[in-house]
């Protein structure tokens, strides 16, 4: 029998790196892990609608660094950096409210995603946003799929919607796929994301797979 695995976790240490970078003993490990999970949940709610691709956390003995990747950095930074300053203070307040480990030095970096139409997180939110605006779901899927496949470097895409599509009484699943999605190939660069579209008649689940070609290790010149 086949087993379903997460495309990101399936390629860890092969094509992907961990989203948190730090090392700690048993006691601090528990505290840092709890802190990472709760802060990420807070940022997911706080930054919804700002086309965030992901959040990376770097910790060392002196400083903690949060790297927020987004396709629209101006929405987060704001005029003359007011938005970034407010977000930084909100994160510190949230951590103190949840009684999470204090940071000696805290840095916040906002990085722009160069190719948003090839990023599964951004594309999943685009679909969810279209559904929340009450646009026909088939039109949203087709228009988004055309945008993604017209992006340089994208070789295939697959979208799946689940829930009360179109307000129907019975929940069902709708799928749209074009190109190849080699899920079992380790060197295949596949980006995956789950998202939710909250509608008056229920929540619709969105899944996005984007295939961006195969990655091969560069051959080192032999001496």
N, C-alpha and C. Protein backbone atom coordinates (compact mmCIF):
# COMPACT_ATOMS: atom_id res chain seq x y z
N UNK A 1 0.84 -1.20 0.00
CA UNK A 1 0.00 0.00 0.00
C UNK A 1 0.88 1.25 0.00
N UNK A 2 0.44 2.26 -0.71
CA UNK A 2 1.22 3.49 -0.76
C UNK A 2 0.95 4.33 0.48
N UNK A 3 1.92 5.15 0.83
CA UNK A 3 1.78 6.05 1.98
C UNK A 3 1.90 7.49 1.49
N UNK A 4 1.03 8.35 2.02
CA UNK A 4 1.05 9.75 1.63
C UNK A 4 2.04 10.49 2.52
N UNK A 5 2.98 11.21 1.92
CA UNK A 5 3.96 11.98 2.67
C UNK A 5 3.90 13.43 2.21
N UNK A 6 4.35 14.32 3.08
CA UNK A 6 4.37 15.75 2.74
C UNK A 6 5.52 16.00 1.77
N UNK A 7 5.27 16.66 0.64
CA UNK A 7 6.35 16.87 -0.34
C UNK A 7 7.54 17.64 0.22
N UNK A 8 7.31 18.52 1.21
CA UNK A 8 8.43 19.27 1.80
C UNK A 8 9.28 18.36 2.68
N UNK A 9 8.61 17.65 3.61
CA UNK A 9 9.33 16.77 4.53
C UNK A 9 10.01 15.62 3.77
N UNK A 10 9.39 15.19 2.67
CA UNK A 10 9.92 14.08 1.87
C UNK A 10 11.29 14.41 1.29
N UNK A 11 11.58 15.72 1.13
CA UNK A 11 12.83 16.14 0.48
C UNK A 11 13.76 16.90 1.43
N UNK A 12 13.50 16.80 2.73
CA UNK A 12 14.37 17.44 3.71
C UNK A 12 15.78 16.87 3.63
N UNK A 13 16.76 17.77 3.72
CA UNK A 13 18.19 17.47 3.62
C UNK A 13 18.62 17.06 2.21
N UNK A 14 17.67 16.87 1.30
CA UNK A 14 18.01 16.54 -0.09
C UNK A 14 17.91 17.81 -0.94
N UNK A 15 16.72 18.40 -0.97
CA UNK A 15 16.51 19.67 -1.67
C UNK A 15 16.12 20.80 -0.72
N UNK A 16 15.55 20.44 0.43
CA UNK A 16 15.01 21.44 1.35
C UNK A 16 15.85 21.51 2.63
N UNK A 17 15.75 22.65 3.28
CA UNK A 17 16.40 22.82 4.57
C UNK A 17 15.31 23.03 5.63
N UNK A 18 15.68 22.91 6.91
CA UNK A 18 14.72 23.12 7.98
C UNK A 18 14.30 24.58 8.02
N UNK A 19 13.06 24.83 8.48
CA UNK A 19 12.55 26.20 8.56
C UNK A 19 12.96 26.89 9.86
N UNK A 20 13.55 26.13 10.79
CA UNK A 20 14.12 26.70 12.00
C UNK A 20 15.56 26.24 12.12
N UNK A 21 16.46 27.17 12.42
CA UNK A 21 17.88 26.84 12.52
C UNK A 21 18.37 27.20 13.92
N UNK A 22 18.54 26.20 14.75
CA UNK A 22 19.12 26.39 16.09
C UNK A 22 19.44 25.03 16.69
N UNK A 23 20.23 25.05 17.76
CA UNK A 23 20.61 23.83 18.46
C UNK A 23 20.47 24.10 19.95
N UNK A 24 19.90 23.13 20.71
CA UNK A 24 19.69 23.35 22.14
C UNK A 24 19.67 22.02 22.87
N UNK A 25 19.86 22.08 24.19
CA UNK A 25 19.76 20.87 25.01
C UNK A 25 18.29 20.51 25.21
N UNK A 26 18.04 19.45 25.98
CA UNK A 26 16.67 18.92 26.11
C UNK A 26 15.68 19.94 26.64
N UNK A 27 16.07 20.68 27.69
CA UNK A 27 15.15 21.64 28.30
C UNK A 27 14.86 22.81 27.36
N UNK A 28 15.91 23.39 26.79
CA UNK A 28 15.71 24.53 25.90
C UNK A 28 15.05 24.11 24.59
N UNK A 29 15.31 22.88 24.17
CA UNK A 29 14.69 22.39 22.94
C UNK A 29 13.17 22.46 23.05
N UNK A 30 12.64 22.02 24.19
CA UNK A 30 11.19 22.04 24.39
C UNK A 30 10.65 23.48 24.36
N UNK A 31 11.37 24.39 24.99
CA UNK A 31 10.93 25.78 25.03
C UNK A 31 11.01 26.45 23.66
N UNK A 32 12.11 26.20 22.95
CA UNK A 32 12.28 26.80 21.63
C UNK A 32 11.26 26.26 20.63
N UNK A 33 10.99 24.96 20.68
CA UNK A 33 10.03 24.35 19.77
C UNK A 33 8.63 24.92 20.00
N UNK A 34 8.24 25.03 21.28
CA UNK A 34 6.94 25.63 21.62
C UNK A 34 6.87 27.08 21.13
N UNK A 35 7.96 27.81 21.34
CA UNK A 35 8.02 29.21 20.90
C UNK A 35 7.86 29.32 19.39
N UNK A 36 8.56 28.48 18.63
CA UNK A 36 8.48 28.52 17.16
C UNK A 36 7.06 28.26 16.68
N UNK A 37 6.41 27.25 17.25
CA UNK A 37 5.06 26.88 16.82
C UNK A 37 4.06 27.99 17.11
N UNK A 38 4.10 28.54 18.33
CA UNK A 38 3.13 29.57 18.73
C UNK A 38 3.36 30.88 17.97
N UNK A 39 4.62 31.26 17.75
CA UNK A 39 4.89 32.49 17.01
C UNK A 39 4.47 32.35 15.55
N UNK A 40 4.70 31.16 14.98
CA UNK A 40 4.28 30.94 13.59
C UNK A 40 2.75 31.01 13.46
N UNK A 41 2.03 30.44 14.43
CA UNK A 41 0.57 30.52 14.42
C UNK A 41 0.11 31.98 14.51
N UNK A 42 0.76 32.75 15.35
CA UNK A 42 0.43 34.17 15.49
C UNK A 42 0.67 34.92 14.19
N UNK A 43 1.82 34.65 13.54
CA UNK A 43 2.16 35.35 12.30
C UNK A 43 1.24 34.94 11.16
N UNK A 44 0.78 33.68 11.15
CA UNK A 44 -0.16 33.24 10.11
C UNK A 44 -1.45 34.07 10.15
N UNK A 45 -1.94 34.35 11.36
CA UNK A 45 -3.15 35.17 11.50
C UNK A 45 -2.86 36.64 11.27
N UNK A 46 -1.75 37.10 11.82
CA UNK A 46 -1.40 38.53 11.74
C UNK A 46 -1.09 38.97 10.32
N UNK A 47 -0.45 38.10 9.53
CA UNK A 47 0.00 38.47 8.19
C UNK A 47 -0.88 37.90 7.09
N UNK A 48 -2.05 37.42 7.44
CA UNK A 48 -2.95 36.88 6.40
C UNK A 48 -3.37 38.01 5.46
N UNK A 49 -3.28 37.76 4.17
CA UNK A 49 -3.61 38.78 3.19
C UNK A 49 -2.40 39.54 2.69
N UNK A 50 -1.22 39.22 3.20
CA UNK A 50 0.00 39.92 2.79
C UNK A 50 0.91 39.03 1.94
N UNK A 51 0.36 37.94 1.41
CA UNK A 51 1.06 37.07 0.45
C UNK A 51 2.41 36.58 1.00
N UNK A 52 2.35 36.00 2.20
CA UNK A 52 3.56 35.50 2.85
C UNK A 52 3.86 34.09 2.35
N UNK A 53 5.11 33.86 1.95
CA UNK A 53 5.53 32.55 1.47
C UNK A 53 5.96 31.64 2.62
N UNK A 54 6.63 32.19 3.62
CA UNK A 54 7.09 31.37 4.73
C UNK A 54 7.83 32.20 5.76
N UNK A 55 8.04 31.61 6.92
CA UNK A 55 8.75 32.27 8.02
C UNK A 55 9.89 31.35 8.47
N UNK A 56 11.10 31.86 8.46
CA UNK A 56 12.26 31.11 8.94
C UNK A 56 12.77 31.74 10.23
N UNK A 57 13.25 30.89 11.14
CA UNK A 57 13.71 31.36 12.45
C UNK A 57 15.14 30.88 12.66
N UNK A 58 16.02 31.83 12.94
CA UNK A 58 17.43 31.54 13.24
C UNK A 58 17.71 31.96 14.68
N UNK A 59 18.30 31.06 15.44
CA UNK A 59 18.67 31.38 16.83
C UNK A 59 20.16 31.06 17.03
N UNK A 60 20.81 31.93 17.78
CA UNK A 60 22.15 31.63 18.28
C UNK A 60 22.25 32.15 19.72
N UNK A 61 23.42 32.13 20.28
CA UNK A 61 23.56 32.51 21.69
C UNK A 61 23.26 33.98 21.93
N UNK A 62 23.45 34.81 20.91
CA UNK A 62 23.29 36.26 21.10
C UNK A 62 21.95 36.79 20.58
N UNK A 63 21.49 36.29 19.43
CA UNK A 63 20.34 36.92 18.78
C UNK A 63 19.37 35.89 18.21
N UNK A 64 18.15 36.36 18.03
CA UNK A 64 17.11 35.57 17.35
C UNK A 64 16.67 36.37 16.13
N UNK A 65 16.62 35.70 14.98
CA UNK A 65 16.30 36.39 13.74
C UNK A 65 15.10 35.74 13.07
N UNK A 66 14.10 36.55 12.74
CA UNK A 66 12.91 36.08 12.02
C UNK A 66 13.01 36.59 10.59
N UNK A 67 12.92 35.67 9.62
CA UNK A 67 12.98 36.03 8.20
C UNK A 67 11.61 35.74 7.59
N UNK A 68 10.92 36.79 7.17
CA UNK A 68 9.59 36.66 6.57
C UNK A 68 9.72 36.84 5.06
N UNK A 69 9.33 35.81 4.32
CA UNK A 69 9.39 35.87 2.86
C UNK A 69 8.01 36.19 2.30
N UNK A 70 7.91 37.22 1.49
CA UNK A 70 6.63 37.66 0.96
C UNK A 70 6.81 38.20 -0.45
N UNK A 71 5.74 38.11 -1.25
CA UNK A 71 5.80 38.65 -2.61
C UNK A 71 5.46 40.15 -2.63
N UNK A 72 4.92 40.67 -1.52
CA UNK A 72 4.58 42.10 -1.44
C UNK A 72 5.14 42.68 -0.14
N UNK A 73 6.45 42.92 -0.09
CA UNK A 73 7.06 43.40 1.15
C UNK A 73 6.54 44.76 1.60
N UNK A 74 6.09 45.57 0.64
CA UNK A 74 5.59 46.90 0.99
C UNK A 74 4.39 46.87 1.93
N UNK A 75 3.56 45.80 1.82
CA UNK A 75 2.40 45.68 2.70
C UNK A 75 2.82 45.49 4.15
N UNK A 76 3.93 44.79 4.37
CA UNK A 76 4.40 44.53 5.74
C UNK A 76 5.24 45.68 6.26
N UNK A 77 6.13 46.21 5.41
CA UNK A 77 7.04 47.26 5.86
C UNK A 77 6.30 48.56 6.15
N UNK A 78 5.34 48.91 5.27
CA UNK A 78 4.58 50.14 5.46
C UNK A 78 5.39 51.38 5.10
N UNK A 79 4.78 52.54 5.36
CA UNK A 79 5.46 53.80 5.04
C UNK A 79 6.60 54.05 6.03
N UNK A 80 7.78 54.30 5.46
CA UNK A 80 8.99 54.58 6.24
C UNK A 80 9.24 53.55 7.34
N UNK A 81 8.83 52.29 7.09
CA UNK A 81 9.14 51.20 8.01
C UNK A 81 8.25 51.11 9.23
N UNK A 82 7.12 51.82 9.25
CA UNK A 82 6.24 51.80 10.42
C UNK A 82 5.63 50.42 10.63
N UNK A 83 5.24 49.76 9.55
CA UNK A 83 4.62 48.45 9.65
C UNK A 83 5.56 47.41 10.23
N UNK A 84 6.83 47.43 9.79
CA UNK A 84 7.81 46.47 10.30
C UNK A 84 8.09 46.70 11.78
N UNK A 85 8.16 47.97 12.18
CA UNK A 85 8.39 48.29 13.60
C UNK A 85 7.23 47.82 14.46
N UNK A 86 6.00 48.04 13.96
CA UNK A 86 4.81 47.61 14.70
C UNK A 86 4.76 46.09 14.80
N UNK A 87 5.09 45.39 13.70
CA UNK A 87 5.09 43.93 13.71
C UNK A 87 6.12 43.39 14.70
N UNK A 88 7.29 44.01 14.73
CA UNK A 88 8.35 43.58 15.65
C UNK A 88 7.91 43.70 17.10
N UNK A 89 7.27 44.83 17.43
CA UNK A 89 6.78 45.03 18.81
C UNK A 89 5.64 44.07 19.14
N UNK A 90 4.79 43.77 18.14
CA UNK A 90 3.68 42.82 18.35
C UNK A 90 4.20 41.41 18.65
N UNK A 91 5.26 41.00 17.95
CA UNK A 91 5.85 39.68 18.19
C UNK A 91 6.41 39.60 19.60
N UNK A 92 7.12 40.66 20.03
CA UNK A 92 7.71 40.67 21.38
C UNK A 92 6.60 40.64 22.45
N UNK A 93 5.52 41.42 22.23
CA UNK A 93 4.40 41.43 23.18
C UNK A 93 3.73 40.06 23.26
N UNK A 94 3.54 39.42 22.09
CA UNK A 94 2.90 38.10 22.05
C UNK A 94 3.74 37.06 22.78
N UNK A 95 5.05 37.13 22.61
CA UNK A 95 5.95 36.17 23.28
C UNK A 95 5.94 36.37 24.79
N UNK A 96 5.90 37.62 25.23
CA UNK A 96 5.84 37.87 26.67
C UNK A 96 4.48 37.47 27.25
N UNK A 97 3.41 37.68 26.48
CA UNK A 97 2.07 37.30 26.94
C UNK A 97 1.94 35.79 27.09
N UNK A 98 2.57 35.04 26.16
CA UNK A 98 2.54 33.57 26.22
C UNK A 98 3.63 32.98 27.12
N UNK A 99 4.42 33.87 27.74
CA UNK A 99 5.50 33.45 28.66
C UNK A 99 6.51 32.55 27.96
N UNK A 100 6.91 32.99 26.77
CA UNK A 100 7.91 32.26 25.99
C UNK A 100 9.30 32.78 26.35
N UNK A 101 10.35 32.03 26.03
CA UNK A 101 11.72 32.45 26.40
C UNK A 101 12.04 33.84 25.86
N UNK A 102 12.67 34.66 26.71
CA UNK A 102 13.03 36.02 26.30
C UNK A 102 14.24 36.00 25.39
N UNK A 103 14.29 36.99 24.48
CA UNK A 103 15.38 37.08 23.52
C UNK A 103 16.28 38.25 23.89
N UNK A 104 17.58 38.03 23.92
CA UNK A 104 18.51 39.11 24.22
C UNK A 104 18.51 40.15 23.12
N UNK A 105 18.52 39.66 21.87
CA UNK A 105 18.50 40.56 20.72
C UNK A 105 17.57 39.98 19.67
N UNK A 106 16.70 40.81 19.12
CA UNK A 106 15.69 40.34 18.18
C UNK A 106 15.81 41.11 16.87
N UNK A 107 15.89 40.37 15.78
CA UNK A 107 15.98 40.99 14.45
C UNK A 107 14.85 40.48 13.57
N UNK A 108 14.30 41.38 12.77
CA UNK A 108 13.22 41.03 11.84
C UNK A 108 13.65 41.41 10.43
N UNK A 109 13.66 40.43 9.54
CA UNK A 109 14.03 40.68 8.15
C UNK A 109 12.86 40.32 7.24
N UNK A 110 12.61 41.17 6.27
CA UNK A 110 11.53 40.93 5.30
C UNK A 110 12.17 40.78 3.93
N UNK A 111 12.01 39.61 3.33
CA UNK A 111 12.65 39.28 2.05
C UNK A 111 11.57 39.13 0.98
N UNK A 112 11.85 39.69 -0.18
CA UNK A 112 10.88 39.61 -1.29
C UNK A 112 11.06 38.31 -2.06
N UNK A 113 9.94 37.65 -2.38
CA UNK A 113 9.95 36.44 -3.20
C UNK A 113 10.07 36.86 -4.66
N UNK A 114 11.09 36.37 -5.33
CA UNK A 114 11.38 36.83 -6.69
C UNK A 114 10.34 36.37 -7.70
N UNK A 115 9.82 35.16 -7.54
CA UNK A 115 8.91 34.58 -8.53
C UNK A 115 7.64 34.09 -7.83
N UNK A 116 6.71 34.98 -7.48
CA UNK A 116 5.56 34.58 -6.65
C UNK A 116 4.64 33.56 -7.30
N UNK A 117 4.49 33.60 -8.65
CA UNK A 117 3.58 32.65 -9.32
C UNK A 117 4.12 31.23 -9.31
N UNK A 118 5.39 31.05 -8.93
CA UNK A 118 5.97 29.71 -8.82
C UNK A 118 6.07 29.27 -7.37
N UNK A 119 5.49 30.04 -6.45
CA UNK A 119 5.53 29.73 -5.02
C UNK A 119 4.16 29.21 -4.59
N UNK A 120 4.11 28.00 -4.05
CA UNK A 120 2.84 27.36 -3.72
C UNK A 120 2.06 28.12 -2.64
N UNK A 121 2.76 28.71 -1.66
CA UNK A 121 2.08 29.44 -0.59
C UNK A 121 1.34 30.66 -1.13
N UNK A 122 2.00 31.40 -2.01
CA UNK A 122 1.38 32.60 -2.60
C UNK A 122 0.22 32.21 -3.50
N UNK A 123 0.41 31.17 -4.31
CA UNK A 123 -0.64 30.73 -5.24
C UNK A 123 -1.85 30.21 -4.48
N UNK A 124 -1.62 29.45 -3.39
CA UNK A 124 -2.73 28.93 -2.59
C UNK A 124 -3.55 30.07 -2.00
N UNK A 125 -2.86 31.12 -1.53
CA UNK A 125 -3.61 32.25 -0.99
C UNK A 125 -4.38 33.00 -2.09
N UNK A 126 -3.80 33.08 -3.29
CA UNK A 126 -4.50 33.72 -4.41
C UNK A 126 -5.82 33.00 -4.70
N UNK A 127 -5.80 31.66 -4.67
CA UNK A 127 -7.02 30.88 -4.90
C UNK A 127 -8.01 31.10 -3.77
N UNK A 128 -7.53 31.05 -2.53
CA UNK A 128 -8.42 31.26 -1.38
C UNK A 128 -9.03 32.66 -1.40
N UNK A 129 -8.23 33.65 -1.80
CA UNK A 129 -8.74 35.02 -1.87
C UNK A 129 -9.84 35.15 -2.92
N UNK A 130 -9.64 34.48 -4.07
CA UNK A 130 -10.67 34.51 -5.12
C UNK A 130 -11.97 33.86 -4.66
N UNK A 131 -11.86 32.75 -3.92
CA UNK A 131 -13.05 32.08 -3.41
C UNK A 131 -13.76 32.93 -2.36
N UNK A 132 -13.00 33.61 -1.50
CA UNK A 132 -13.60 34.45 -0.47
C UNK A 132 -14.27 35.68 -1.06
N UNK A 133 -13.86 36.07 -2.27
CA UNK A 133 -14.53 37.18 -2.98
C UNK A 133 -15.76 36.70 -3.73
N UNK A 134 -16.12 35.43 -3.53
CA UNK A 134 -17.32 34.80 -4.10
C UNK A 134 -17.25 34.68 -5.62
N UNK A 135 -16.04 34.53 -6.15
CA UNK A 135 -15.88 34.28 -7.58
C UNK A 135 -16.14 32.80 -7.86
N UNK A 136 -16.62 32.44 -9.07
CA UNK A 136 -16.84 31.01 -9.40
C UNK A 136 -15.55 30.21 -9.26
N UNK A 137 -15.62 29.09 -8.55
CA UNK A 137 -14.39 28.37 -8.23
C UNK A 137 -13.69 27.81 -9.47
N UNK A 138 -14.46 27.41 -10.49
CA UNK A 138 -13.82 26.87 -11.70
C UNK A 138 -13.03 27.96 -12.43
N UNK A 139 -13.58 29.16 -12.46
CA UNK A 139 -12.88 30.27 -13.11
C UNK A 139 -11.60 30.61 -12.34
N UNK A 140 -11.68 30.60 -11.01
CA UNK A 140 -10.51 30.89 -10.19
C UNK A 140 -9.40 29.88 -10.46
N UNK A 141 -9.77 28.58 -10.50
CA UNK A 141 -8.77 27.54 -10.75
C UNK A 141 -8.13 27.68 -12.13
N UNK A 142 -8.95 27.90 -13.15
CA UNK A 142 -8.42 27.98 -14.52
C UNK A 142 -7.53 29.19 -14.71
N UNK A 143 -7.97 30.36 -14.20
CA UNK A 143 -7.16 31.57 -14.37
C UNK A 143 -5.83 31.46 -13.62
N UNK A 144 -5.88 30.90 -12.40
CA UNK A 144 -4.64 30.76 -11.62
C UNK A 144 -3.70 29.75 -12.27
N UNK A 145 -4.26 28.65 -12.80
CA UNK A 145 -3.43 27.64 -13.45
C UNK A 145 -2.73 28.22 -14.68
N UNK A 146 -3.42 29.05 -15.45
CA UNK A 146 -2.79 29.68 -16.61
C UNK A 146 -1.64 30.59 -16.19
N UNK A 147 -1.85 31.36 -15.11
CA UNK A 147 -0.79 32.25 -14.63
C UNK A 147 0.43 31.44 -14.21
N UNK A 148 0.19 30.36 -13.47
CA UNK A 148 1.30 29.55 -12.95
C UNK A 148 2.08 28.90 -14.08
N UNK A 149 1.37 28.31 -15.04
CA UNK A 149 2.05 27.60 -16.12
C UNK A 149 2.76 28.54 -17.09
N UNK A 150 2.34 29.81 -17.13
CA UNK A 150 3.03 30.78 -17.98
C UNK A 150 4.28 31.34 -17.31
N UNK A 151 4.52 30.96 -16.06
CA UNK A 151 5.70 31.42 -15.33
C UNK A 151 6.92 30.61 -15.75
N UNK A 152 8.02 31.28 -15.91
CA UNK A 152 9.26 30.61 -16.33
C UNK A 152 9.73 29.63 -15.26
N UNK A 153 10.05 28.42 -15.67
CA UNK A 153 10.57 27.41 -14.76
C UNK A 153 9.54 26.46 -14.21
N UNK A 154 8.25 26.72 -14.42
CA UNK A 154 7.19 25.84 -13.93
C UNK A 154 6.84 24.82 -15.00
N UNK A 155 6.91 23.53 -14.64
CA UNK A 155 6.64 22.45 -15.60
C UNK A 155 5.31 21.75 -15.36
N UNK A 156 4.68 22.00 -14.23
CA UNK A 156 3.40 21.35 -13.94
C UNK A 156 2.79 21.92 -12.68
N UNK A 157 1.47 21.80 -12.57
CA UNK A 157 0.76 22.29 -11.39
C UNK A 157 -0.49 21.47 -11.17
N UNK A 158 -0.87 21.34 -9.92
CA UNK A 158 -2.08 20.61 -9.56
C UNK A 158 -2.78 21.35 -8.42
N UNK A 159 -4.09 21.61 -8.59
CA UNK A 159 -4.89 22.28 -7.58
C UNK A 159 -6.04 21.36 -7.17
N UNK A 160 -6.33 21.32 -5.87
CA UNK A 160 -7.45 20.52 -5.36
C UNK A 160 -8.26 21.38 -4.39
N UNK A 161 -9.56 21.45 -4.61
CA UNK A 161 -10.48 22.14 -3.70
C UNK A 161 -11.38 21.10 -3.05
N UNK A 162 -11.65 21.26 -1.76
CA UNK A 162 -12.52 20.32 -1.04
C UNK A 162 -13.46 21.10 -0.13
N UNK A 163 -14.74 20.74 -0.18
CA UNK A 163 -15.72 21.41 0.68
C UNK A 163 -17.03 21.62 -0.05
N UNK A 164 -17.82 22.53 0.47
CA UNK A 164 -19.13 22.83 -0.14
C UNK A 164 -18.92 23.81 -1.30
N UNK A 165 -18.44 23.28 -2.40
CA UNK A 165 -18.13 24.12 -3.56
C UNK A 165 -19.40 24.71 -4.16
N UNK A 166 -19.38 26.02 -4.37
CA UNK A 166 -20.55 26.69 -4.93
C UNK A 166 -21.74 26.73 -3.99
N UNK A 167 -21.50 26.44 -2.71
CA UNK A 167 -22.60 26.45 -1.74
C UNK A 167 -23.46 25.20 -1.77
N UNK A 168 -22.99 24.14 -2.40
CA UNK A 168 -23.77 22.90 -2.50
C UNK A 168 -23.97 22.29 -1.11
N UNK A 169 -25.04 21.53 -0.95
CA UNK A 169 -25.34 20.92 0.34
C UNK A 169 -24.36 19.80 0.69
N UNK A 170 -23.89 19.10 -0.32
CA UNK A 170 -22.97 17.98 -0.09
C UNK A 170 -21.56 18.40 -0.49
N UNK A 171 -20.61 18.18 0.41
CA UNK A 171 -19.22 18.53 0.14
C UNK A 171 -18.63 17.57 -0.90
N UNK A 172 -17.75 18.10 -1.73
CA UNK A 172 -17.10 17.26 -2.74
C UNK A 172 -15.72 17.82 -3.04
N UNK A 173 -15.04 17.17 -3.96
CA UNK A 173 -13.67 17.56 -4.30
C UNK A 173 -13.57 17.88 -5.78
N UNK A 174 -12.90 18.96 -6.10
CA UNK A 174 -12.67 19.36 -7.49
C UNK A 174 -11.17 19.47 -7.71
N UNK A 175 -10.68 18.90 -8.80
CA UNK A 175 -9.24 18.89 -9.07
C UNK A 175 -8.95 19.40 -10.47
N UNK A 176 -7.86 20.15 -10.59
CA UNK A 176 -7.41 20.64 -11.89
C UNK A 176 -5.89 20.45 -11.96
N UNK A 177 -5.44 19.80 -13.02
CA UNK A 177 -4.02 19.47 -13.12
C UNK A 177 -3.55 19.64 -14.56
N UNK A 178 -2.33 20.13 -14.69
CA UNK A 178 -1.73 20.26 -16.02
C UNK A 178 -0.22 20.12 -15.89
N UNK A 179 0.39 19.36 -16.79
CA UNK A 179 1.82 19.11 -16.70
C UNK A 179 2.11 17.90 -15.83
N UNK A 180 3.36 17.70 -15.48
CA UNK A 180 3.75 16.54 -14.68
C UNK A 180 4.02 16.94 -13.24
N UNK A 181 3.68 16.03 -12.30
CA UNK A 181 3.95 16.21 -10.87
C UNK A 181 4.58 14.92 -10.34
N UNK A 182 5.89 14.73 -10.50
CA UNK A 182 6.53 13.48 -10.04
C UNK A 182 6.77 13.49 -8.53
N UNK A 183 5.77 13.07 -7.77
CA UNK A 183 5.83 13.18 -6.31
C UNK A 183 6.87 12.26 -5.68
N UNK A 184 7.18 11.14 -6.31
CA UNK A 184 8.10 10.18 -5.70
C UNK A 184 9.55 10.38 -6.11
N UNK A 185 9.82 11.36 -6.95
CA UNK A 185 11.19 11.63 -7.38
C UNK A 185 11.84 12.61 -6.43
N UNK A 186 12.89 12.19 -5.75
CA UNK A 186 13.51 13.03 -4.73
C UNK A 186 14.08 14.32 -5.31
N UNK A 187 14.68 14.23 -6.50
CA UNK A 187 15.32 15.43 -7.04
C UNK A 187 14.33 16.37 -7.73
N UNK A 188 13.04 16.00 -7.75
CA UNK A 188 12.02 16.88 -8.32
C UNK A 188 11.70 18.01 -7.34
N UNK A 189 11.82 19.23 -7.80
CA UNK A 189 11.56 20.41 -6.97
C UNK A 189 10.06 20.69 -6.97
N UNK A 190 9.36 20.13 -5.98
CA UNK A 190 7.90 20.30 -5.88
C UNK A 190 7.58 21.12 -4.64
N UNK A 191 6.87 22.23 -4.86
CA UNK A 191 6.44 23.08 -3.76
C UNK A 191 4.98 22.76 -3.46
N UNK A 192 4.65 22.67 -2.16
CA UNK A 192 3.30 22.26 -1.75
C UNK A 192 2.81 23.17 -0.62
N UNK A 193 1.51 23.45 -0.63
CA UNK A 193 0.92 24.28 0.43
C UNK A 193 -0.56 23.97 0.59
N UNK A 194 -1.01 23.99 1.85
CA UNK A 194 -2.43 23.91 2.18
C UNK A 194 -2.91 25.28 2.62
N UNK A 195 -4.15 25.62 2.24
CA UNK A 195 -4.73 26.90 2.63
C UNK A 195 -6.22 26.71 2.86
N UNK A 196 -6.85 27.66 3.56
CA UNK A 196 -8.29 27.59 3.82
C UNK A 196 -8.96 28.85 3.32
N UNK A 197 -10.10 28.68 2.68
CA UNK A 197 -10.94 29.81 2.30
C UNK A 197 -12.19 29.77 3.18
N UNK A 198 -12.37 30.78 4.00
CA UNK A 198 -13.49 30.82 4.95
C UNK A 198 -14.66 31.55 4.29
N UNK A 199 -15.75 30.83 4.07
CA UNK A 199 -16.94 31.36 3.41
C UNK A 199 -18.13 31.28 4.35
N UNK A 200 -19.20 32.02 4.08
CA UNK A 200 -20.37 32.01 4.98
C UNK A 200 -20.99 30.63 5.18
N UNK A 201 -20.92 29.77 4.16
CA UNK A 201 -21.54 28.46 4.25
C UNK A 201 -20.55 27.36 4.64
N UNK A 202 -19.33 27.71 4.96
CA UNK A 202 -18.36 26.70 5.39
C UNK A 202 -16.95 27.01 4.91
N UNK A 203 -16.04 26.17 5.31
CA UNK A 203 -14.63 26.34 4.95
C UNK A 203 -14.27 25.43 3.78
N UNK A 204 -13.55 25.98 2.82
CA UNK A 204 -13.11 25.20 1.65
C UNK A 204 -11.60 25.02 1.75
N UNK A 205 -11.14 23.79 1.66
CA UNK A 205 -9.71 23.49 1.71
C UNK A 205 -9.07 23.63 0.35
N UNK A 206 -7.89 24.20 0.31
CA UNK A 206 -7.15 24.41 -0.94
C UNK A 206 -5.80 23.72 -0.82
N UNK A 207 -5.45 22.90 -1.81
CA UNK A 207 -4.13 22.27 -1.88
C UNK A 207 -3.49 22.63 -3.21
N UNK A 208 -2.21 22.95 -3.15
CA UNK A 208 -1.49 23.37 -4.36
C UNK A 208 -0.16 22.63 -4.45
N UNK A 209 0.09 22.02 -5.60
CA UNK A 209 1.40 21.43 -5.92
C UNK A 209 1.95 22.17 -7.14
N UNK A 210 3.22 22.56 -7.10
CA UNK A 210 3.86 23.21 -8.25
C UNK A 210 5.20 22.53 -8.49
N UNK A 211 5.39 22.05 -9.71
CA UNK A 211 6.61 21.34 -10.10
C UNK A 211 7.52 22.30 -10.86
N UNK A 212 8.76 22.48 -10.35
CA UNK A 212 9.67 23.46 -10.93
C UNK A 212 10.93 22.80 -11.51
N UNK A 213 10.80 21.57 -11.97
CA UNK A 213 11.93 20.90 -12.61
C UNK A 213 12.76 20.10 -11.63
N UNK A 214 13.77 19.41 -12.16
CA UNK A 214 14.65 18.56 -11.35
C UNK A 214 15.93 19.31 -11.01
N UNK A 215 16.42 19.05 -9.81
CA UNK A 215 17.65 19.68 -9.34
C UNK A 215 18.73 18.60 -9.21
N UNK A 216 19.84 18.82 -9.85
CA UNK A 216 20.97 17.89 -9.79
C UNK A 216 22.14 18.56 -9.08
N UNK A 217 22.88 17.78 -8.30
CA UNK A 217 24.07 18.32 -7.65
C UNK A 217 25.13 18.63 -8.70
N UNK A 218 25.77 19.76 -8.51
CA UNK A 218 26.86 20.12 -9.43
C UNK A 218 28.05 19.20 -9.20
N UNK A 219 28.63 18.76 -10.29
CA UNK A 219 29.79 17.87 -10.18
C UNK A 219 31.03 18.67 -9.80
N UNK A 220 31.70 18.21 -8.75
CA UNK A 220 32.92 18.89 -8.31
C UNK A 220 34.07 18.51 -9.22
N UNK A 221 34.86 19.49 -9.63
CA UNK A 221 35.99 19.16 -10.53
C UNK A 221 37.00 18.26 -9.83
N UNK A 222 37.42 17.21 -10.51
CA UNK A 222 38.40 16.26 -9.93
C UNK A 222 39.79 16.83 -10.07
N UNK A 223 40.58 16.69 -9.01
CA UNK A 223 41.95 17.22 -9.02
C UNK A 223 42.87 16.30 -9.84
